[in-house]
Amino acid sequence: MGAEVADRVFVPELRERLARSVRLAPVPLSGPLTAPESLAVLAGTEILVTGWECPPLTPEILAAAPRLRAVVHAAGSVKPMVTDAVWERGVVVSSAADANAAPVVAFTLAAVTFAAKGALSAAAGYADGWPAFAARAGADARVIGVIGASRIGRRVIAALRASDAGFRVLLTDPYVTPAEAAELGAELVPLPELCARSSIVTVHAPQLPETRGLVSAEMLRLIPDGGTLVNTARGSLVDTEALARECGSGRLDAFLDVTDPEPLPAGHALLRLPNVLVTPHVAGAQGSEVRRLGEFAVGEVERYVCGQPLRGRLLREDLPRLA
């Protein structure tokens, strides 16, 4: 992982705890894994703890690590890093995605709360004088549409149902049955119906070829006037230019932690609109939260060396449905 990432995710006390279970390489690897100093370390590595900025584990890299048995990822998605060769070698893979999920859920709930209060419009109008009560009353945002019963999507549904705001939750997900949705506390509906009935739509589906542009111009047009789109998943799931048009007209608001492209070009309409809040992919673990990733990874290493089941273990067949 990047040197700065390693310093923040694995604070000294976590490194000391890790060193009680395994023999650590003297210096964390950063930069190209093909560098001579990296190859020398990989030659004897049995467990590779990775994080943001880790290069792909190609067949060439794996050939340089003949003793490698496990990869413990101190971050969320492993897709940019774990290649087919990793699975073919039988290497165990674990991810700290669960530890990264809680901050994303909290961010999403904050965005839903702001949307229900009409916070963006109220803030934009404040410069022109104290808004009338009607402008400060917020929207009648009782129906929330959740796209994707992912790890985060399920937690968002649970949190919405647990709130005292009286939210009704709609869900669309091709892998969920109506009975399973009911157990989660949501009503399973097709995507067009979800968009048409929801005052706030929040996106939690994985980035896959079939989900690109899932929230299309047509779907955006179905969201009622005054509605809000929240996206903390992946920018490619939403038609960026169509969303810019809907928000530019004032018909929709948006809270976007991810965009397509990412980052947006300087001067892009979504960066200038008062009814759109764009943040630079900060919904996941940031600040003091990144320590959670290190704690999860250290716990996984401890469980692995003791022969215990891993909490974050991933299987190859899981990947198509994961972020």
C-alpha atoms as a PDB file:
ATOM      1  CA  MET A   1       0.000   0.000   0.000  1.00  0.00           C
ATOM      2  CA  GLY A   2       1.081   3.611  -0.199  1.00  0.00           C
ATOM      3  CA  ALA A   3       3.483   4.674   2.554  1.00  0.00           C
ATOM      4  CA  GLU A   4       1.121   7.389   3.777  1.00  0.00           C
ATOM      5  CA  VAL A   5      -1.756   4.908   3.784  1.00  0.00           C
ATOM      6  CA  ALA A   6       0.281   2.446   5.852  1.00  0.00           C
ATOM      7  CA  ASP A   7       1.122   5.110   8.431  1.00  0.00           C
ATOM      8  CA  ARG A   8      -2.526   6.065   8.879  1.00  0.00           C
ATOM      9  CA  VAL A   9      -4.146   2.634   8.730  1.00  0.00           C
ATOM     10  CA  PHE A  10      -1.533   0.807  10.808  1.00  0.00           C
ATOM     11  CA  VAL A  11      -0.667   3.069  13.704  1.00  0.00           C
ATOM     12  CA  PRO A  12       2.258   1.935  15.920  1.00  0.00           C
ATOM     13  CA  GLU A  13       0.146   0.011  18.434  1.00  0.00           C
ATOM     14  CA  LEU A  14      -1.513  -1.957  15.615  1.00  0.00           C
ATOM     15  CA  ARG A  15       1.861  -2.805  14.069  1.00  0.00           C
ATOM     16  CA  GLU A  16       3.063  -3.981  17.474  1.00  0.00           C
ATOM     17  CA  ARG A  17      -0.029  -6.142  17.833  1.00  0.00           C
ATOM     18  CA  LEU A  18       0.479  -7.553  14.333  1.00  0.00           C
ATOM     19  CA  ALA A  19       4.101  -8.356  15.104  1.00  0.00           C
ATOM     20  CA  ARG A  20       2.969 -10.600  17.950  1.00  0.00           C
ATOM     21  CA  SER A  21       1.325 -12.958  15.441  1.00  0.00           C
ATOM     22  CA  VAL A  22       3.722 -12.844  12.483  1.00  0.00           C
ATOM     23  CA  ARG A  23       7.239 -11.817  11.539  1.00  0.00           C
ATOM     24  CA  LEU A  24       6.863  -8.471   9.796  1.00  0.00           C
ATOM     25  CA  ALA A  25       8.982  -7.258   6.930  1.00  0.00           C
ATOM     26  CA  PRO A  26      11.196  -4.409   8.205  1.00  0.00           C
ATOM     27  CA  VAL A  27       9.550  -1.761   6.010  1.00  0.00           C
ATOM     28  CA  PRO A  28       6.036  -1.782   4.467  1.00  0.00           C
ATOM     29  CA  LEU A  29       6.081  -2.292   0.709  1.00  0.00           C
ATOM     30  CA  SER A  30       5.019   0.683  -1.391  1.00  0.00           C
ATOM     31  CA  GLY A  31       5.394   1.566  -5.027  1.00  0.00           C
ATOM     32  CA  PRO A  32       5.876  -1.034  -7.779  1.00  0.00           C
ATOM     33  CA  LEU A  33       5.937  -4.628  -6.577  1.00  0.00           C
ATOM     34  CA  THR A  34       8.408  -5.358  -9.368  1.00  0.00           C
ATOM     35  CA  ALA A  35      11.113  -3.248  -7.699  1.00  0.00           C
ATOM     36  CA  PRO A  36      14.104  -5.352  -6.544  1.00  0.00           C
ATOM     37  CA  GLU A  37      13.540  -4.511  -2.868  1.00  0.00           C
ATOM     38  CA  SER A  38       9.880  -5.550  -3.157  1.00  0.00           C
ATOM     39  CA  LEU A  39      10.702  -8.799  -4.938  1.00  0.00           C
ATOM     40  CA  ALA A  40      13.207  -9.679  -2.209  1.00  0.00           C
ATOM     41  CA  VAL A  41      10.486  -9.328   0.441  1.00  0.00           C
ATOM     42  CA  LEU A  42       7.841 -11.140  -1.621  1.00  0.00           C
ATOM     43  CA  ALA A  43      10.101 -14.153  -1.977  1.00  0.00           C
ATOM     44  CA  GLY A  44       9.517 -15.057   1.660  1.00  0.00           C
ATOM     45  CA  THR A  45       6.038 -13.616   2.168  1.00  0.00           C
ATOM     46  CA  GLU A  46       3.258 -15.932   3.350  1.00  0.00           C
ATOM     47  CA  ILE A  47       0.617 -13.295   4.188  1.00  0.00           C
ATOM     48  CA  LEU A  48       0.332 -10.080   2.216  1.00  0.00           C
ATOM     49  CA  VAL A  49      -1.536  -7.247   3.935  1.00  0.00           C
ATOM     50  CA  THR A  50      -2.656  -4.759   1.294  1.00  0.00           C
ATOM     51  CA  GLY A  51      -4.475  -1.441   1.083  1.00  0.00           C
ATOM     52  CA  TRP A  52      -5.191   1.510  -1.171  1.00  0.00           C
ATOM     53  CA  GLU A  53      -2.661   1.901  -3.990  1.00  0.00           C
ATOM     54  CA  CYS A  54      -1.686  -1.770  -4.056  1.00  0.00           C
ATOM     55  CA  PRO A  55      -0.820  -2.759  -7.659  1.00  0.00           C
ATOM     56  CA  PRO A  56      -2.577  -5.748  -9.257  1.00  0.00           C
ATOM     57  CA  LEU A  57      -1.281  -9.122  -8.121  1.00  0.00           C
ATOM     58  CA  THR A  58      -0.364 -10.393 -11.565  1.00  0.00           C
ATOM     59  CA  PRO A  59       0.956 -13.867 -12.402  1.00  0.00           C
ATOM     60  CA  GLU A  60       4.453 -12.370 -12.499  1.00  0.00           C
ATOM     61  CA  ILE A  61       4.095 -10.966  -8.991  1.00  0.00           C
ATOM     62  CA  LEU A  62       2.683 -14.240  -7.697  1.00  0.00           C
ATOM     63  CA  ALA A  63       5.582 -16.133  -9.272  1.00  0.00           C
ATOM     64  CA  ALA A  64       7.895 -13.963  -7.173  1.00  0.00           C
ATOM     65  CA  ALA A  65       5.925 -14.928  -4.034  1.00  0.00           C
ATOM     66  CA  PRO A  66       5.914 -18.748  -4.092  1.00  0.00           C
ATOM     67  CA  ARG A  67       5.062 -19.014  -0.380  1.00  0.00           C
ATOM     68  CA  LEU A  68       2.084 -16.638  -0.478  1.00  0.00           C
ATOM     69  CA  ARG A  69      -0.986 -18.197   1.131  1.00  0.00           C
ATOM     70  CA  ALA A  70      -3.246 -15.278   2.077  1.00  0.00           C
ATOM     71  CA  VAL A  71      -4.045 -11.698   1.080  1.00  0.00           C
ATOM     72  CA  VAL A  72      -5.675  -9.536   3.750  1.00  0.00           C
ATOM     73  CA  HIS A  73      -6.941  -6.288   2.255  1.00  0.00           C
ATOM     74  CA  ALA A  74      -7.181  -3.394   4.715  1.00  0.00           C
ATOM     75  CA  ALA A  75      -9.714  -1.592   2.525  1.00  0.00           C
ATOM     76  CA  GLY A  76     -12.946  -2.328   0.674  1.00  0.00           C
ATOM     77  CA  SER A  77     -13.040  -3.574  -2.915  1.00  0.00           C
ATOM     78  CA  VAL A  78     -10.394  -6.093  -3.976  1.00  0.00           C
ATOM     79  CA  LYS A  79     -11.349  -5.998  -7.663  1.00  0.00           C
ATOM     80  CA  PRO A  80      -8.553  -3.656  -8.826  1.00  0.00           C
ATOM     81  CA  MET A  81      -5.938  -5.828  -7.100  1.00  0.00           C
ATOM     82  CA  VAL A  82      -6.999  -9.487  -7.071  1.00  0.00           C
ATOM     83  CA  THR A  83      -6.493 -11.071 -10.481  1.00  0.00           C
ATOM     84  CA  ASP A  84      -7.653 -14.457 -11.739  1.00  0.00           C
ATOM     85  CA  ALA A  85      -4.174 -15.763 -10.975  1.00  0.00           C
ATOM     86  CA  VAL A  86      -4.752 -15.185  -7.253  1.00  0.00           C
ATOM     87  CA  TRP A  87      -7.792 -17.445  -7.234  1.00  0.00           C
ATOM     88  CA  GLU A  88      -6.098 -20.026  -9.457  1.00  0.00           C
ATOM     89  CA  ARG A  89      -3.230 -20.239  -6.974  1.00  0.00           C
ATOM     90  CA  GLY A  90      -5.723 -20.960  -4.180  1.00  0.00           C
ATOM     91  CA  VAL A  91      -4.671 -17.909  -2.178  1.00  0.00           C
ATOM     92  CA  VAL A  92      -7.112 -17.012   0.602  1.00  0.00           C
ATOM     93  CA  VAL A  93      -8.501 -13.473   0.194  1.00  0.00           C
ATOM     94  CA  SER A  94     -10.070 -11.318   2.910  1.00  0.00           C
ATOM     95  CA  SER A  95     -11.387  -7.756   2.759  1.00  0.00           C
ATOM     96  CA  ALA A  96     -12.101  -5.141   5.418  1.00  0.00           C
ATOM     97  CA  ALA A  97     -15.200  -4.074   3.485  1.00  0.00           C
ATOM     98  CA  ASP A  98     -17.352  -4.595   6.581  1.00  0.00           C
ATOM     99  CA  ALA A  99     -15.211  -2.129   8.520  1.00  0.00           C
ATOM    100  CA  ASN A 100     -15.491   0.332   5.647  1.00  0.00           C
ATOM    101  CA  ALA A 101     -19.263  -0.067   5.402  1.00  0.00           C
ATOM    102  CA  ALA A 102     -20.239   1.658   8.642  1.00  0.00           C
ATOM    103  CA  PRO A 103     -18.869   5.105   7.630  1.00  0.00           C
ATOM    104  CA  VAL A 104     -20.602   4.848   4.227  1.00  0.00           C
ATOM    105  CA  VAL A 105     -23.905   4.029   5.914  1.00  0.00           C
ATOM    106  CA  ALA A 106     -23.500   6.985   8.272  1.00  0.00           C
ATOM    107  CA  PHE A 107     -22.693   9.280   5.332  1.00  0.00           C
ATOM    108  CA  THR A 108     -25.718   8.017   3.407  1.00  0.00           C
ATOM    109  CA  LEU A 109     -28.050   8.550   6.362  1.00  0.00           C
ATOM    110  CA  ALA A 110     -26.721  12.080   6.773  1.00  0.00           C
ATOM    111  CA  ALA A 111     -27.389  12.774   3.080  1.00  0.00           C
ATOM    112  CA  VAL A 112     -30.915  11.323   3.330  1.00  0.00           C
ATOM    113  CA  THR A 113     -31.571  13.472   6.404  1.00  0.00           C
ATOM    114  CA  PHE A 114     -30.330  16.613   4.659  1.00  0.00           C
ATOM    115  CA  ALA A 115     -32.404  15.740   1.598  1.00  0.00           C
ATOM    116  CA  ALA A 116     -35.551  15.230   3.669  1.00  0.00           C
ATOM    117  CA  LYS A 117     -35.014  18.659   5.240  1.00  0.00           C
ATOM    118  CA  GLY A 118     -34.385  20.337   1.889  1.00  0.00           C
ATOM    119  CA  ALA A 119     -31.072  21.507   3.323  1.00  0.00           C
ATOM    120  CA  LEU A 120     -29.369  22.343   0.035  1.00  0.00           C
ATOM    121  CA  SER A 121     -32.163  24.573  -1.233  1.00  0.00           C
ATOM    122  CA  ALA A 122     -32.567  26.219   2.159  1.00  0.00           C
ATOM    123  CA  ALA A 123     -28.839  26.941   2.363  1.00  0.00           C
ATOM    124  CA  ALA A 124     -28.746  28.322  -1.169  1.00  0.00           C
ATOM    125  CA  GLY A 125     -31.626  30.709  -0.460  1.00  0.00           C
ATOM    126  CA  TYR A 126     -30.328  31.893   2.899  1.00  0.00           C
ATOM    127  CA  ALA A 127     -28.022  34.486   1.288  1.00  0.00           C
ATOM    128  CA  ASP A 128     -31.091  36.278  -0.039  1.00  0.00           C
ATOM    129  CA  GLY A 129     -32.716  36.508   3.378  1.00  0.00           C
ATOM    130  CA  TRP A 130     -34.308  34.309   6.014  1.00  0.00           C
ATOM    131  CA  PRO A 131     -36.485  31.795   4.149  1.00  0.00           C
ATOM    132  CA  ALA A 132     -40.192  31.566   4.848  1.00  0.00           C
ATOM    133  CA  PHE A 133     -41.396  28.559   6.828  1.00  0.00           C
ATOM    134  CA  ALA A 134     -42.605  26.771   3.704  1.00  0.00           C
ATOM    135  CA  ALA A 135     -39.076  26.971   2.279  1.00  0.00           C
ATOM    136  CA  ARG A 136     -37.626  25.575   5.505  1.00  0.00           C
ATOM    137  CA  ALA A 137     -40.139  22.798   6.048  1.00  0.00           C
ATOM    138  CA  GLY A 138     -38.352  20.290   3.828  1.00  0.00           C
ATOM    139  CA  ALA A 139     -39.907  17.681   1.592  1.00  0.00           C
ATOM    140  CA  ASP A 140     -42.495  15.053   2.382  1.00  0.00           C
ATOM    141  CA  ALA A 141     -39.751  12.450   2.080  1.00  0.00           C
ATOM    142  CA  ARG A 142     -41.413   9.409   3.534  1.00  0.00           C
ATOM    143  CA  VAL A 143     -40.567   7.008   0.705  1.00  0.00           C
ATOM    144  CA  ILE A 144     -36.884   6.149   0.232  1.00  0.00           C
ATOM    145  CA  GLY A 145     -35.778   4.031  -2.713  1.00  0.00           C
ATOM    146  CA  VAL A 146     -32.710   1.842  -2.204  1.00  0.00           C
ATOM    147  CA  ILE A 147     -31.009   0.515  -5.332  1.00  0.00           C
ATOM    148  CA  GLY A 148     -29.085  -2.615  -4.387  1.00  0.00           C
ATOM    149  CA  ALA A 149     -29.278  -4.878  -1.347  1.00  0.00           C
ATOM    150  CA  SER A 150     -25.507  -4.883  -1.035  1.00  0.00           C
ATOM    151  CA  ARG A 151     -23.592  -5.037   2.233  1.00  0.00           C
ATOM    152  CA  ILE A 152     -24.100  -1.285   2.595  1.00  0.00           C
ATOM    153  CA  GLY A 153     -27.583  -1.221   1.065  1.00  0.00           C
ATOM    154  CA  ARG A 154     -28.870  -3.710   3.645  1.00  0.00           C
ATOM    155  CA  ARG A 155     -27.412  -1.669   6.469  1.00  0.00           C
ATOM    156  CA  VAL A 156     -28.935   1.503   5.079  1.00  0.00           C
ATOM    157  CA  ILE A 157     -32.351  -0.179   4.976  1.00  0.00           C
ATOM    158  CA  ALA A 158     -31.961  -1.320   8.594  1.00  0.00           C
ATOM    159  CA  ALA A 159     -30.961   2.170   9.704  1.00  0.00           C
ATOM    160  CA  LEU A 160     -33.838   3.805   7.835  1.00  0.00           C
ATOM    161  CA  ARG A 161     -36.310   1.374   9.370  1.00  0.00           C
ATOM    162  CA  ALA A 162     -34.841   1.983  12.829  1.00  0.00           C
ATOM    163  CA  SER A 163     -35.186   5.760  12.592  1.00  0.00           C
ATOM    164  CA  ASP A 164     -38.224   7.537  13.995  1.00  0.00           C
ATOM    165  CA  ALA A 165     -38.784   9.502  10.778  1.00  0.00           C
ATOM    166  CA  GLY A 166     -41.434   7.075   9.546  1.00  0.00           C
ATOM    167  CA  PHE A 167     -39.618   6.202   6.343  1.00  0.00           C
ATOM    168  CA  ARG A 168     -41.102   3.631   3.985  1.00  0.00           C
ATOM    169  CA  VAL A 169     -38.375   1.787   2.066  1.00  0.00           C
ATOM    170  CA  LEU A 170     -38.568   0.478  -1.484  1.00  0.00           C
ATOM    171  CA  LEU A 171     -35.856  -1.844  -2.813  1.00  0.00           C
ATOM    172  CA  THR A 172     -34.783  -3.002  -6.245  1.00  0.00           C
ATOM    173  CA  ASP A 173     -32.294  -5.860  -6.596  1.00  0.00           C
ATOM    174  CA  PRO A 174     -32.402  -8.744  -9.102  1.00  0.00           C
ATOM    175  CA  TYR A 175     -30.967 -11.205  -6.567  1.00  0.00           C
ATOM    176  CA  VAL A 176     -33.542 -10.579  -3.815  1.00  0.00           C
ATOM    177  CA  THR A 177     -36.990 -12.182  -3.527  1.00  0.00           C
ATOM    178  CA  PRO A 178     -40.044 -10.318  -2.228  1.00  0.00           C
ATOM    179  CA  ALA A 179     -39.929 -12.431   0.934  1.00  0.00           C
ATOM    180  CA  GLU A 180     -36.261 -11.580   1.526  1.00  0.00           C
ATOM    181  CA  ALA A 181     -36.979  -7.896   0.958  1.00  0.00           C
ATOM    182  CA  ALA A 182     -39.821  -8.052   3.466  1.00  0.00           C
ATOM    183  CA  GLU A 183     -37.447  -9.572   6.014  1.00  0.00           C
ATOM    184  CA  LEU A 184     -35.132  -6.612   5.454  1.00  0.00           C
ATOM    185  CA  GLY A 185     -38.047  -4.245   6.003  1.00  0.00           C
ATOM    186  CA  ALA A 186     -38.463  -3.120   2.407  1.00  0.00           C
ATOM    187  CA  GLU A 187     -40.898  -3.573  -0.469  1.00  0.00           C
ATOM    188  CA  LEU A 188     -39.301  -5.112  -3.558  1.00  0.00           C
ATOM    189  CA  VAL A 189     -40.244  -3.255  -6.751  1.00  0.00           C
ATOM    190  CA  PRO A 190     -38.819  -2.830 -10.281  1.00  0.00           C
ATOM    191  CA  LEU A 191     -36.426   0.075 -10.767  1.00  0.00           C
ATOM    192  CA  PRO A 192     -38.871   2.275 -12.753  1.00  0.00           C
ATOM    193  CA  GLU A 193     -41.490   1.929 -10.026  1.00  0.00           C
ATOM    194  CA  LEU A 194     -38.910   2.670  -7.334  1.00  0.00           C
ATOM    195  CA  CYS A 195     -37.870   5.882  -9.067  1.00  0.00           C
ATOM    196  CA  ALA A 196     -41.461   6.969  -9.683  1.00  0.00           C
ATOM    197  CA  ARG A 197     -42.537   6.439  -6.069  1.00  0.00           C
ATOM    198  CA  SER A 198     -39.451   7.636  -4.156  1.00  0.00           C
ATOM    199  CA  SER A 199     -38.741  11.177  -3.076  1.00  0.00           C
ATOM    200  CA  ILE A 200     -35.153  10.158  -2.253  1.00  0.00           C
ATOM    201  CA  VAL A 201     -33.262   7.497  -4.246  1.00  0.00           C
ATOM    202  CA  THR A 202     -29.985   6.157  -2.836  1.00  0.00           C
ATOM    203  CA  VAL A 203     -27.623   3.982  -4.895  1.00  0.00           C
ATOM    204  CA  HIS A 204     -25.833   0.953  -3.404  1.00  0.00           C
ATOM    205  CA  ALA A 205     -25.365  -1.472  -6.316  1.00  0.00           C
ATOM    206  CA  PRO A 206     -21.956  -2.762  -7.475  1.00  0.00           C
ATOM    207  CA  GLN A 207     -20.117  -1.512 -10.534  1.00  0.00           C
ATOM    208  CA  LEU A 208     -20.642  -4.148 -13.216  1.00  0.00           C
ATOM    209  CA  PRO A 209     -20.982  -4.022 -17.006  1.00  0.00           C
ATOM    210  CA  GLU A 210     -24.753  -4.497 -16.630  1.00  0.00           C
ATOM    211  CA  THR A 211     -25.097  -1.725 -14.020  1.00  0.00           C
ATOM    212  CA  ARG A 212     -23.350   0.992 -16.033  1.00  0.00           C
ATOM    213  CA  GLY A 213     -25.872   3.777 -16.578  1.00  0.00           C
ATOM    214  CA  LEU A 214     -28.440   1.934 -14.467  1.00  0.00           C
ATOM    215  CA  VAL A 215     -29.857   5.257 -13.250  1.00  0.00           C
ATOM    216  CA  SER A 216     -30.391   6.507 -16.763  1.00  0.00           C
ATOM    217  CA  ALA A 217     -31.951   9.689 -18.083  1.00  0.00           C
ATOM    218  CA  GLU A 218     -35.252   7.824 -18.255  1.00  0.00           C
ATOM    219  CA  MET A 219     -35.026   6.695 -14.623  1.00  0.00           C
ATOM    220  CA  LEU A 220     -34.055  10.182 -13.463  1.00  0.00           C
ATOM    221  CA  ARG A 221     -37.101  11.643 -15.225  1.00  0.00           C
ATOM    222  CA  LEU A 222     -39.310   9.292 -13.223  1.00  0.00           C
ATOM    223  CA  ILE A 223     -38.177  10.674  -9.862  1.00  0.00           C
ATOM    224  CA  PRO A 224     -40.829  13.161  -8.695  1.00  0.00           C
ATOM    225  CA  ASP A 225     -40.182  16.908  -8.813  1.00  0.00           C
ATOM    226  CA  GLY A 226     -38.236  18.005  -5.751  1.00  0.00           C
ATOM    227  CA  GLY A 227     -36.650  14.570  -5.383  1.00  0.00           C
ATOM    228  CA  THR A 228     -33.060  13.800  -4.488  1.00  0.00           C
ATOM    229  CA  LEU A 229     -30.487  11.310  -5.742  1.00  0.00           C
ATOM    230  CA  VAL A 230     -27.810  10.078  -3.321  1.00  0.00           C
ATOM    231  CA  ASN A 231     -24.866   8.115  -4.721  1.00  0.00           C
ATOM    232  CA  THR A 232     -22.171   6.649  -2.484  1.00  0.00           C
ATOM    233  CA  ALA A 233     -21.641   3.541  -4.670  1.00  0.00           C
ATOM    234  CA  ARG A 234     -19.938   4.142  -8.028  1.00  0.00           C
ATOM    235  CA  GLY A 235     -20.312   7.058 -10.419  1.00  0.00           C
ATOM    236  CA  SER A 236     -20.727   4.839 -13.479  1.00  0.00           C
ATOM    237  CA  LEU A 237     -24.143   3.687 -12.249  1.00  0.00           C
ATOM    238  CA  VAL A 238     -25.618   7.135 -12.961  1.00  0.00           C
ATOM    239  CA  ASP A 239     -25.898   9.029 -16.259  1.00  0.00           C
ATOM    240  CA  THR A 240     -23.823  12.043 -15.221  1.00  0.00           C
ATOM    241  CA  GLU A 241     -24.916  14.455 -17.927  1.00  0.00           C
ATOM    242  CA  ALA A 242     -28.590  13.559 -17.546  1.00  0.00           C
ATOM    243  CA  LEU A 243     -28.302  14.167 -13.807  1.00  0.00           C
ATOM    244  CA  ALA A 244     -26.615  17.514 -14.452  1.00  0.00           C
ATOM    245  CA  ARG A 245     -29.557  18.524 -16.645  1.00  0.00           C
ATOM    246  CA  GLU A 246     -32.163  17.481 -14.063  1.00  0.00           C
ATOM    247  CA  CYS A 247     -30.333  19.277 -11.261  1.00  0.00           C
ATOM    248  CA  GLY A 248     -29.570  22.273 -13.465  1.00  0.00           C
ATOM    249  CA  SER A 249     -33.288  22.733 -14.066  1.00  0.00           C
ATOM    250  CA  GLY A 250     -33.850  22.722 -10.311  1.00  0.00           C
ATOM    251  CA  ARG A 251     -36.114  19.678 -10.538  1.00  0.00           C
ATOM    252  CA  LEU A 252     -33.815  17.344  -8.598  1.00  0.00           C
ATOM    253  CA  ASP A 253     -31.162  17.719  -5.917  1.00  0.00           C
ATOM    254  CA  ALA A 254     -28.170  15.407  -5.530  1.00  0.00           C
ATOM    255  CA  PHE A 255     -25.613  14.286  -2.959  1.00  0.00           C
ATOM    256  CA  LEU A 256     -22.726  12.642  -4.819  1.00  0.00           C
ATOM    257  CA  ASP A 257     -19.670  11.107  -3.202  1.00  0.00           C
ATOM    258  CA  VAL A 258     -18.774   9.381  -6.477  1.00  0.00           C
ATOM    259  CA  THR A 259     -18.990  10.579 -10.067  1.00  0.00           C
ATOM    260  CA  ASP A 260     -18.276   9.463 -13.611  1.00  0.00           C
ATOM    261  CA  PRO A 261     -15.672  10.526 -14.508  1.00  0.00           C
ATOM    262  CA  GLU A 262     -13.911  10.784 -11.185  1.00  0.00           C
ATOM    263  CA  PRO A 263     -12.778  13.436 -10.619  1.00  0.00           C
ATOM    264  CA  LEU A 264     -15.152  15.616 -12.595  1.00  0.00           C
ATOM    265  CA  PRO A 265     -13.532  18.085 -14.999  1.00  0.00           C
ATOM    266  CA  ALA A 266     -12.933  21.541 -13.560  1.00  0.00           C
ATOM    267  CA  GLY A 267     -15.977  23.732 -14.088  1.00  0.00           C
ATOM    268  CA  HIS A 268     -18.403  20.842 -14.549  1.00  0.00           C
ATOM    269  CA  ALA A 269     -22.003  21.873 -13.979  1.00  0.00           C
ATOM    270  CA  LEU A 270     -22.446  19.500 -11.024  1.00  0.00           C
ATOM    271  CA  LEU A 271     -19.629  21.302  -9.204  1.00  0.00           C
ATOM    272  CA  ARG A 272     -21.327  24.679  -9.599  1.00  0.00           C
ATOM    273  CA  LEU A 273     -24.968  23.954  -8.830  1.00  0.00           C
ATOM    274  CA  PRO A 274     -26.253  25.105  -5.408  1.00  0.00           C
ATOM    275  CA  ASN A 275     -28.616  22.123  -5.163  1.00  0.00           C
ATOM    276  CA  VAL A 276     -25.817  19.562  -5.621  1.00  0.00           C
ATOM    277  CA  LEU A 277     -23.212  18.557  -3.065  1.00  0.00           C
ATOM    278  CA  VAL A 278     -20.240  16.705  -4.561  1.00  0.00           C
ATOM    279  CA  THR A 279     -17.638  15.267  -2.205  1.00  0.00           C
ATOM    280  CA  PRO A 280     -14.355  13.625  -3.318  1.00  0.00           C
ATOM    281  CA  HIS A 281     -15.043   9.978  -2.425  1.00  0.00           C
ATOM    282  CA  VAL A 282     -14.913  10.532   1.334  1.00  0.00           C
ATOM    283  CA  ALA A 283     -17.931   8.477   2.460  1.00  0.00           C
ATOM    284  CA  GLY A 284     -15.771   5.486   3.319  1.00  0.00           C
ATOM    285  CA  ALA A 285     -13.265   5.359   6.161  1.00  0.00           C
ATOM    286  CA  GLN A 286     -11.512   8.707   6.524  1.00  0.00           C
ATOM    287  CA  GLY A 287      -9.677  10.509   9.302  1.00  0.00           C
ATOM    288  CA  SER A 288      -9.739   8.532  12.539  1.00  0.00           C
ATOM    289  CA  GLU A 289     -12.052   5.992  10.875  1.00  0.00           C
ATOM    290  CA  VAL A 290      -9.215   4.456   8.840  1.00  0.00           C
ATOM    291  CA  ARG A 291      -7.905   2.832  11.999  1.00  0.00           C
ATOM    292  CA  ARG A 292     -10.940   0.538  11.801  1.00  0.00           C
ATOM    293  CA  LEU A 293      -9.500  -0.917   8.609  1.00  0.00           C
ATOM    294  CA  GLY A 294      -6.197  -1.664  10.288  1.00  0.00           C
ATOM    295  CA  GLU A 295      -7.899  -3.189  13.310  1.00  0.00           C
ATOM    296  CA  PHE A 296     -10.005  -5.433  11.065  1.00  0.00           C
ATOM    297  CA  ALA A 297      -6.971  -6.548   9.038  1.00  0.00           C
ATOM    298  CA  VAL A 298      -4.899  -7.305  12.129  1.00  0.00           C
ATOM    299  CA  GLY A 299      -7.792  -9.335  13.523  1.00  0.00           C
ATOM    300  CA  GLU A 300      -7.985 -11.290  10.276  1.00  0.00           C
ATOM    301  CA  VAL A 301      -4.269 -12.099  10.388  1.00  0.00           C
ATOM    302  CA  GLU A 302      -4.628 -13.249  13.988  1.00  0.00           C
ATOM    303  CA  ARG A 303      -7.547 -15.477  13.048  1.00  0.00           C
ATOM    304  CA  TYR A 304      -5.704 -16.861  10.022  1.00  0.00           C
ATOM    305  CA  VAL A 305      -2.568 -17.902  11.911  1.00  0.00           C
ATOM    306  CA  CYS A 306      -4.749 -19.547  14.583  1.00  0.00           C
ATOM    307  CA  GLY A 307      -6.719 -21.487  11.980  1.00  0.00           C
ATOM    308  CA  GLN A 308      -9.967 -19.663  12.751  1.00  0.00           C
ATOM    309  CA  PRO A 309     -12.579 -18.644  10.128  1.00  0.00           C
ATOM    310  CA  LEU A 310     -11.997 -15.228   8.573  1.00  0.00           C
ATOM    311  CA  ARG A 311     -14.743 -12.649   9.020  1.00  0.00           C
ATOM    312  CA  GLY A 312     -14.041 -10.965   5.694  1.00  0.00           C
ATOM    313  CA  ARG A 313     -13.164 -13.935   3.515  1.00  0.00           C
ATOM    314  CA  LEU A 314     -14.163 -13.606  -0.119  1.00  0.00           C
ATOM    315  CA  LEU A 315     -14.743 -16.343  -2.662  1.00  0.00           C
ATOM    316  CA  ARG A 316     -14.207 -16.012  -6.374  1.00  0.00           C
ATOM    317  CA  GLU A 317     -17.904 -16.509  -7.064  1.00  0.00           C
ATOM    318  CA  ASP A 318     -18.735 -13.582  -4.757  1.00  0.00           C
ATOM    319  CA  LEU A 319     -16.989 -10.991  -6.930  1.00  0.00           C
ATOM    320  CA  PRO A 320     -19.650 -10.436  -9.619  1.00  0.00           C
ATOM    321  CA  ARG A 321     -22.054  -9.116  -6.964  1.00  0.00           C
ATOM    322  CA  LEU A 322     -19.561  -7.039  -5.010  1.00  0.00           C
ATOM    323  CA  ALA A 323     -18.397  -3.457  -5.460  1.00  0.00           C
END
